[in-house]
């Protein structure tokens, strides 16, 4: 998979690419990163990447032309692509959207700054507008890292498949995961449930399923819908 990031700050990603699962995916040639800085597509006489909003309003917008040229160049990496704009107005990322993204060979992330990007870019050149939640953060680069991490951990060979199936939202068709414990058996007067120490795999499995429902009801009951 090719991850193509349109960003005004490529250096933002330097440390992330050298650590964790993303580093593992890069070393195993499962994922390739390309960066496209719209500043490099500015007209020679133009010094500013952003400009005021028509009709007034706070903040600035990234100009459409350098973004457009960045997108065109990023599309040349592969014909099988999805252009994603990271925005608080987008659909909140979930596993169904993640599965859709994994079907593409190339993902093009547009990372907004200031007050976002020109609406004409969104309407004409964006395939999917995504959000990581109903809150505001300072830049699209942060959102892109969340989604990239979700993509990477689902690539073949990156994590143990047995571990993956017990993740929250994956375990038991979308419920939260069960509670987990490690040594010591007693910590500050709190004991590990006896069933987990029994060695009875059937009872342990039953306990995990029931505990998964219990956690979901208690913490995120809306998932049961």
C-alpha atoms as a PDB file:
ATOM      1  CA  UNK A   1       0.000   0.000   0.000  1.00  0.00           C
ATOM      2  CA  UNK A   2       1.136   3.518  -0.803  1.00  0.00           C
ATOM      3  CA  UNK A   3       0.412   6.248   1.728  1.00  0.00           C
ATOM      4  CA  UNK A   4       0.607   9.609  -0.018  1.00  0.00           C
ATOM      5  CA  UNK A   5       0.402  12.580   2.322  1.00  0.00           C
ATOM      6  CA  UNK A   6      -0.270  16.117   1.162  1.00  0.00           C
ATOM      7  CA  UNK A   7       1.060  18.238   4.003  1.00  0.00           C
ATOM      8  CA  UNK A   8       2.661  21.603   4.673  1.00  0.00           C
ATOM      9  CA  UNK A   9       4.867  19.932   7.291  1.00  0.00           C
ATOM     10  CA  UNK A  10       6.424  16.620   6.141  1.00  0.00           C
ATOM     11  CA  UNK A  11       8.839  16.744   9.099  1.00  0.00           C
ATOM     12  CA  UNK A  12       5.853  16.079  11.354  1.00  0.00           C
ATOM     13  CA  UNK A  13       6.083  12.383  10.418  1.00  0.00           C
ATOM     14  CA  UNK A  14       9.841  11.809  10.869  1.00  0.00           C
ATOM     15  CA  UNK A  15       9.855  10.176  14.295  1.00  0.00           C
ATOM     16  CA  UNK A  16       6.654   8.182  13.668  1.00  0.00           C
ATOM     17  CA  UNK A  17       8.110   6.418  10.628  1.00  0.00           C
ATOM     18  CA  UNK A  18      11.020   5.192  12.748  1.00  0.00           C
ATOM     19  CA  UNK A  19       8.975   3.502  15.457  1.00  0.00           C
ATOM     20  CA  UNK A  20       6.441   0.774  16.192  1.00  0.00           C
ATOM     21  CA  UNK A  21       4.219  -1.023  13.716  1.00  0.00           C
ATOM     22  CA  UNK A  22       4.680   1.618  11.036  1.00  0.00           C
ATOM     23  CA  UNK A  23       8.437   1.021  11.055  1.00  0.00           C
ATOM     24  CA  UNK A  24       7.805  -2.745  10.890  1.00  0.00           C
ATOM     25  CA  UNK A  25       5.479  -2.337   7.897  1.00  0.00           C
ATOM     26  CA  UNK A  26       8.042  -0.160   6.100  1.00  0.00           C
ATOM     27  CA  UNK A  27      10.869  -2.624   6.780  1.00  0.00           C
ATOM     28  CA  UNK A  28       8.729  -5.482   5.479  1.00  0.00           C
ATOM     29  CA  UNK A  29       7.923  -3.541   2.286  1.00  0.00           C
ATOM     30  CA  UNK A  30       4.199  -3.620   3.057  1.00  0.00           C
ATOM     31  CA  UNK A  31       3.753   0.135   3.010  1.00  0.00           C
ATOM     32  CA  UNK A  32       5.442   3.018   1.216  1.00  0.00           C
ATOM     33  CA  UNK A  33       5.229   6.703   2.125  1.00  0.00           C
ATOM     34  CA  UNK A  34       5.289   9.666  -0.234  1.00  0.00           C
ATOM     35  CA  UNK A  35       5.008  13.305   0.813  1.00  0.00           C
ATOM     36  CA  UNK A  36       3.736  16.187  -1.292  1.00  0.00           C
ATOM     37  CA  UNK A  37       4.193  19.717   0.014  1.00  0.00           C
ATOM     38  CA  UNK A  38       1.776  22.209  -1.604  1.00  0.00           C
ATOM     39  CA  UNK A  39       4.303  24.975  -0.997  1.00  0.00           C
ATOM     40  CA  UNK A  40       6.405  23.469  -3.783  1.00  0.00           C
ATOM     41  CA  UNK A  41       3.522  24.032  -6.216  1.00  0.00           C
ATOM     42  CA  UNK A  42       3.061  27.731  -5.525  1.00  0.00           C
ATOM     43  CA  UNK A  43       3.469  30.168  -8.415  1.00  0.00           C
ATOM     44  CA  UNK A  44       6.960  31.664  -8.371  1.00  0.00           C
ATOM     45  CA  UNK A  45       5.655  35.141  -7.554  1.00  0.00           C
ATOM     46  CA  UNK A  46       3.361  33.851  -4.815  1.00  0.00           C
ATOM     47  CA  UNK A  47       4.876  33.678  -1.334  1.00  0.00           C
ATOM     48  CA  UNK A  48       1.799  32.712   0.669  1.00  0.00           C
ATOM     49  CA  UNK A  49       0.240  29.251   0.738  1.00  0.00           C
ATOM     50  CA  UNK A  50      -2.855  30.530   2.553  1.00  0.00           C
ATOM     51  CA  UNK A  51      -5.274  33.394   1.990  1.00  0.00           C
ATOM     52  CA  UNK A  52      -8.276  35.156   3.534  1.00  0.00           C
ATOM     53  CA  UNK A  53     -11.761  33.678   3.336  1.00  0.00           C
ATOM     54  CA  UNK A  54     -14.234  35.264   0.900  1.00  0.00           C
ATOM     55  CA  UNK A  55     -17.145  36.827   2.723  1.00  0.00           C
ATOM     56  CA  UNK A  56     -15.128  37.250   5.892  1.00  0.00           C
ATOM     57  CA  UNK A  57     -14.554  34.946   8.807  1.00  0.00           C
ATOM     58  CA  UNK A  58     -11.788  33.913  11.129  1.00  0.00           C
ATOM     59  CA  UNK A  59      -8.744  31.983  10.012  1.00  0.00           C
ATOM     60  CA  UNK A  60      -7.186  31.372   6.615  1.00  0.00           C
ATOM     61  CA  UNK A  61      -7.521  28.733   3.895  1.00  0.00           C
ATOM     62  CA  UNK A  62      -4.876  26.834   1.965  1.00  0.00           C
ATOM     63  CA  UNK A  63      -5.074  28.015  -1.636  1.00  0.00           C
ATOM     64  CA  UNK A  64      -6.736  25.600  -4.074  1.00  0.00           C
ATOM     65  CA  UNK A  65      -4.202  25.595  -6.934  1.00  0.00           C
ATOM     66  CA  UNK A  66      -1.179  24.186  -5.018  1.00  0.00           C
ATOM     67  CA  UNK A  67      -3.464  21.603  -3.424  1.00  0.00           C
ATOM     68  CA  UNK A  68      -4.869  20.616  -6.803  1.00  0.00           C
ATOM     69  CA  UNK A  69      -1.374  20.191  -8.284  1.00  0.00           C
ATOM     70  CA  UNK A  70      -0.314  18.130  -5.252  1.00  0.00           C
ATOM     71  CA  UNK A  71      -3.307  15.825  -5.705  1.00  0.00           C
ATOM     72  CA  UNK A  72      -2.606  15.370  -9.416  1.00  0.00           C
ATOM     73  CA  UNK A  73       0.975  14.366  -8.679  1.00  0.00           C
ATOM     74  CA  UNK A  74      -0.047  12.013  -5.869  1.00  0.00           C
ATOM     75  CA  UNK A  75      -2.532  10.263  -8.169  1.00  0.00           C
ATOM     76  CA  UNK A  76       0.329   9.263 -10.468  1.00  0.00           C
ATOM     77  CA  UNK A  77       1.652   6.848  -7.814  1.00  0.00           C
ATOM     78  CA  UNK A  78      -1.139   4.346  -8.566  1.00  0.00           C
ATOM     79  CA  UNK A  79      -4.372   4.209 -10.564  1.00  0.00           C
ATOM     80  CA  UNK A  80      -6.131   2.483  -7.661  1.00  0.00           C
ATOM     81  CA  UNK A  81      -6.428   5.363  -5.191  1.00  0.00           C
ATOM     82  CA  UNK A  82      -8.752   7.040  -2.714  1.00  0.00           C
ATOM     83  CA  UNK A  83      -8.379  10.747  -1.928  1.00  0.00           C
ATOM     84  CA  UNK A  84      -9.172  11.404   1.741  1.00  0.00           C
ATOM     85  CA  UNK A  85      -9.617  14.852   3.233  1.00  0.00           C
ATOM     86  CA  UNK A  86      -9.271  14.919   7.029  1.00  0.00           C
ATOM     87  CA  UNK A  87     -11.926  17.241   8.430  1.00  0.00           C
ATOM     88  CA  UNK A  88     -14.232  17.579  11.465  1.00  0.00           C
ATOM     89  CA  UNK A  89     -17.117  17.614   8.970  1.00  0.00           C
ATOM     90  CA  UNK A  90     -16.244  14.144   7.663  1.00  0.00           C
ATOM     91  CA  UNK A  91     -17.648  10.733   8.583  1.00  0.00           C
ATOM     92  CA  UNK A  92     -16.122   9.394  11.785  1.00  0.00           C
ATOM     93  CA  UNK A  93     -13.688   6.583  10.959  1.00  0.00           C
ATOM     94  CA  UNK A  94     -14.862   3.073  11.854  1.00  0.00           C
ATOM     95  CA  UNK A  95     -14.063  -0.516  10.891  1.00  0.00           C
ATOM     96  CA  UNK A  96     -16.407  -0.523   7.880  1.00  0.00           C
ATOM     97  CA  UNK A  97     -14.667   2.529   6.420  1.00  0.00           C
ATOM     98  CA  UNK A  98     -11.310   0.998   7.322  1.00  0.00           C
ATOM     99  CA  UNK A  99     -12.130  -2.143   5.314  1.00  0.00           C
ATOM    100  CA  UNK A 100     -13.025   0.060   2.360  1.00  0.00           C
ATOM    101  CA  UNK A 101      -9.714   1.927   2.597  1.00  0.00           C
ATOM    102  CA  UNK A 102      -7.769  -1.339   2.772  1.00  0.00           C
ATOM    103  CA  UNK A 103      -9.160  -2.288  -0.640  1.00  0.00           C
ATOM    104  CA  UNK A 104      -7.162   0.512  -2.304  1.00  0.00           C
ATOM    105  CA  UNK A 105      -3.533   0.287  -3.311  1.00  0.00           C
ATOM    106  CA  UNK A 106      -2.960   3.994  -2.722  1.00  0.00           C
ATOM    107  CA  UNK A 107      -4.426   6.362  -0.124  1.00  0.00           C
ATOM    108  CA  UNK A 108      -3.965  10.107  -0.622  1.00  0.00           C
ATOM    109  CA  UNK A 109      -4.411  12.080   2.603  1.00  0.00           C
ATOM    110  CA  UNK A 110      -5.001  15.827   2.396  1.00  0.00           C
ATOM    111  CA  UNK A 111      -3.980  17.411   5.702  1.00  0.00           C
ATOM    112  CA  UNK A 112      -5.627  20.762   6.275  1.00  0.00           C
ATOM    113  CA  UNK A 113      -4.316  23.570   8.444  1.00  0.00           C
ATOM    114  CA  UNK A 114      -5.489  27.027   9.419  1.00  0.00           C
ATOM    115  CA  UNK A 115      -9.256  26.972   8.783  1.00  0.00           C
ATOM    116  CA  UNK A 116      -9.219  24.143   6.250  1.00  0.00           C
ATOM    117  CA  UNK A 117      -9.204  24.089   2.462  1.00  0.00           C
ATOM    118  CA  UNK A 118     -11.239  25.571  -0.390  1.00  0.00           C
ATOM    119  CA  UNK A 119     -14.640  23.859  -0.781  1.00  0.00           C
ATOM    120  CA  UNK A 120     -14.087  23.453  -4.529  1.00  0.00           C
ATOM    121  CA  UNK A 121     -11.217  21.031  -3.858  1.00  0.00           C
ATOM    122  CA  UNK A 122     -13.456  18.956  -1.584  1.00  0.00           C
ATOM    123  CA  UNK A 123     -16.330  18.765  -4.059  1.00  0.00           C
ATOM    124  CA  UNK A 124     -14.261  18.034  -7.157  1.00  0.00           C
ATOM    125  CA  UNK A 125     -11.237  16.039  -6.036  1.00  0.00           C
ATOM    126  CA  UNK A 126     -11.969  14.392  -2.663  1.00  0.00           C
ATOM    127  CA  UNK A 127     -13.424  10.850  -2.606  1.00  0.00           C
ATOM    128  CA  UNK A 128     -13.912  10.558   1.143  1.00  0.00           C
ATOM    129  CA  UNK A 129     -14.076  13.157   3.917  1.00  0.00           C
ATOM    130  CA  UNK A 130     -13.056  11.620   7.255  1.00  0.00           C
ATOM    131  CA  UNK A 131     -12.928  12.638  10.902  1.00  0.00           C
ATOM    132  CA  UNK A 132     -11.465  10.912  13.956  1.00  0.00           C
ATOM    133  CA  UNK A 133     -14.111  12.399  16.259  1.00  0.00           C
ATOM    134  CA  UNK A 134     -16.404  15.308  17.010  1.00  0.00           C
ATOM    135  CA  UNK A 135     -13.737  17.638  18.325  1.00  0.00           C
ATOM    136  CA  UNK A 136     -11.193  20.070  16.896  1.00  0.00           C
ATOM    137  CA  UNK A 137      -7.438  19.534  16.708  1.00  0.00           C
ATOM    138  CA  UNK A 138      -4.759  21.783  15.287  1.00  0.00           C
ATOM    139  CA  UNK A 139      -4.019  20.001  12.011  1.00  0.00           C
ATOM    140  CA  UNK A 140      -4.928  17.139   9.702  1.00  0.00           C
ATOM    141  CA  UNK A 141      -1.533  15.515  10.207  1.00  0.00           C
ATOM    142  CA  UNK A 142      -2.603  14.294  13.654  1.00  0.00           C
ATOM    143  CA  UNK A 143      -5.788  12.759  12.241  1.00  0.00           C
ATOM    144  CA  UNK A 144      -3.841  11.093   9.437  1.00  0.00           C
ATOM    145  CA  UNK A 145      -1.569   9.329  11.922  1.00  0.00           C
ATOM    146  CA  UNK A 146      -4.556   7.804  13.704  1.00  0.00           C
ATOM    147  CA  UNK A 147      -5.966   6.412  10.466  1.00  0.00           C
ATOM    148  CA  UNK A 148      -2.554   5.293   9.173  1.00  0.00           C
ATOM    149  CA  UNK A 149      -1.995   3.346  12.392  1.00  0.00           C
ATOM    150  CA  UNK A 150      -5.403   1.683  11.938  1.00  0.00           C
ATOM    151  CA  UNK A 151      -4.479   0.736   8.372  1.00  0.00           C
ATOM    152  CA  UNK A 152      -1.018  -0.572   9.227  1.00  0.00           C
ATOM    153  CA  UNK A 153      -2.084  -2.871  12.063  1.00  0.00           C
ATOM    154  CA  UNK A 154      -4.512  -4.556   9.660  1.00  0.00           C
ATOM    155  CA  UNK A 155      -1.888  -5.370   7.029  1.00  0.00           C
ATOM    156  CA  UNK A 156      -0.996  -9.092   6.778  1.00  0.00           C
ATOM    157  CA  UNK A 157       1.842 -10.154   9.055  1.00  0.00           C
ATOM    158  CA  UNK A 158       2.019  -6.976  11.140  1.00  0.00           C
ATOM    159  CA  UNK A 159       0.296  -8.265  14.274  1.00  0.00           C
ATOM    160  CA  UNK A 160      -0.668 -11.713  15.498  1.00  0.00           C
ATOM    161  CA  UNK A 161      -4.121 -12.578  14.108  1.00  0.00           C
ATOM    162  CA  UNK A 162      -5.118 -14.253  17.364  1.00  0.00           C
ATOM    163  CA  UNK A 163      -4.375 -11.015  19.255  1.00  0.00           C
ATOM    164  CA  UNK A 164      -6.303  -8.977  16.725  1.00  0.00           C
ATOM    165  CA  UNK A 165      -9.602 -10.834  17.103  1.00  0.00           C
ATOM    166  CA  UNK A 166      -9.805  -9.907  20.789  1.00  0.00           C
ATOM    167  CA  UNK A 167      -9.552  -6.159  20.148  1.00  0.00           C
ATOM    168  CA  UNK A 168     -12.430  -3.937  21.158  1.00  0.00           C
ATOM    169  CA  UNK A 169     -14.984  -3.507  18.339  1.00  0.00           C
ATOM    170  CA  UNK A 170     -13.641  -6.699  16.669  1.00  0.00           C
ATOM    171  CA  UNK A 171     -14.333  -9.229  19.451  1.00  0.00           C
ATOM    172  CA  UNK A 172     -17.887 -10.635  19.411  1.00  0.00           C
ATOM    173  CA  UNK A 173     -19.068  -8.678  16.363  1.00  0.00           C
ATOM    174  CA  UNK A 174     -18.279  -5.164  17.503  1.00  0.00           C
ATOM    175  CA  UNK A 175     -18.404  -5.296  21.321  1.00  0.00           C
ATOM    176  CA  UNK A 176     -15.670  -4.049  23.619  1.00  0.00           C
ATOM    177  CA  UNK A 177     -12.953  -6.500  24.579  1.00  0.00           C
ATOM    178  CA  UNK A 178     -12.923  -8.378  27.869  1.00  0.00           C
ATOM    179  CA  UNK A 179     -10.981  -7.342  30.963  1.00  0.00           C
ATOM    180  CA  UNK A 180      -7.383  -8.612  31.136  1.00  0.00           C
ATOM    181  CA  UNK A 181      -5.063  -9.504  34.005  1.00  0.00           C
ATOM    182  CA  UNK A 182      -1.423 -10.470  34.564  1.00  0.00           C
ATOM    183  CA  UNK A 183       0.853 -11.398  37.505  1.00  0.00           C
ATOM    184  CA  UNK A 184       0.640 -11.139  40.472  1.00  0.00           C
ATOM    185  CA  UNK A 185      -2.574 -13.018  41.236  1.00  0.00           C
ATOM    186  CA  UNK A 186      -3.353 -10.569  44.046  1.00  0.00           C
ATOM    187  CA  UNK A 187      -2.553  -6.856  43.731  1.00  0.00           C
ATOM    188  CA  UNK A 188      -3.488  -4.364  46.450  1.00  0.00           C
ATOM    189  CA  UNK A 189      -6.116  -6.790  47.733  1.00  0.00           C
ATOM    190  CA  UNK A 190      -7.661  -7.323  44.277  1.00  0.00           C
ATOM    191  CA  UNK A 191      -7.698 -10.885  42.907  1.00  0.00           C
ATOM    192  CA  UNK A 192      -7.628 -12.241  39.373  1.00  0.00           C
ATOM    193  CA  UNK A 193     -10.968 -14.019  38.643  1.00  0.00           C
ATOM    194  CA  UNK A 194     -10.618 -17.690  39.562  1.00  0.00           C
ATOM    195  CA  UNK A 195     -11.960 -18.900  36.215  1.00  0.00           C
ATOM    196  CA  UNK A 196      -8.936 -17.400  34.401  1.00  0.00           C
ATOM    197  CA  UNK A 197      -6.649 -19.519  36.581  1.00  0.00           C
ATOM    198  CA  UNK A 198      -8.674 -22.714  36.152  1.00  0.00           C
ATOM    199  CA  UNK A 199      -7.145 -23.957  32.904  1.00  0.00           C
ATOM    200  CA  UNK A 200     -10.645 -24.802  31.667  1.00  0.00           C
ATOM    201  CA  UNK A 201     -10.606 -23.281  28.176  1.00  0.00           C
ATOM    202  CA  UNK A 202     -14.363 -23.620  27.649  1.00  0.00           C
ATOM    203  CA  UNK A 203     -15.203 -21.779  30.871  1.00  0.00           C
ATOM    204  CA  UNK A 204     -12.549 -19.150  30.161  1.00  0.00           C
ATOM    205  CA  UNK A 205     -14.033 -18.497  26.722  1.00  0.00           C
ATOM    206  CA  UNK A 206     -17.532 -18.211  28.213  1.00  0.00           C
ATOM    207  CA  UNK A 207     -16.251 -15.791  30.867  1.00  0.00           C
ATOM    208  CA  UNK A 208     -14.575 -13.614  28.239  1.00  0.00           C
ATOM    209  CA  UNK A 209     -17.767 -13.396  26.177  1.00  0.00           C
ATOM    210  CA  UNK A 210     -19.898 -12.501  29.220  1.00  0.00           C
ATOM    211  CA  UNK A 211     -17.305 -10.003  30.436  1.00  0.00           C
ATOM    212  CA  UNK A 212     -17.199  -8.440  26.985  1.00  0.00           C
ATOM    213  CA  UNK A 213     -20.969  -7.823  27.151  1.00  0.00           C
ATOM    214  CA  UNK A 214     -20.630  -6.498  30.693  1.00  0.00           C
ATOM    215  CA  UNK A 215     -17.923  -4.013  29.686  1.00  0.00           C
ATOM    216  CA  UNK A 216     -19.946  -2.865  26.689  1.00  0.00           C
ATOM    217  CA  UNK A 217     -23.138  -2.322  28.725  1.00  0.00           C
ATOM    218  CA  UNK A 218     -21.231  -0.436  31.405  1.00  0.00           C
ATOM    219  CA  UNK A 219     -18.948   1.717  29.244  1.00  0.00           C
ATOM    220  CA  UNK A 220     -20.453   2.037  25.742  1.00  0.00           C
ATOM    221  CA  UNK A 221     -23.970   0.652  25.753  1.00  0.00           C
ATOM    222  CA  UNK A 222     -24.773   2.370  22.443  1.00  0.00           C
ATOM    223  CA  UNK A 223     -22.651  -0.256  20.672  1.00  0.00           C
ATOM    224  CA  UNK A 224     -25.303  -2.870  21.449  1.00  0.00           C
ATOM    225  CA  UNK A 225     -27.580  -1.204  18.875  1.00  0.00           C
END
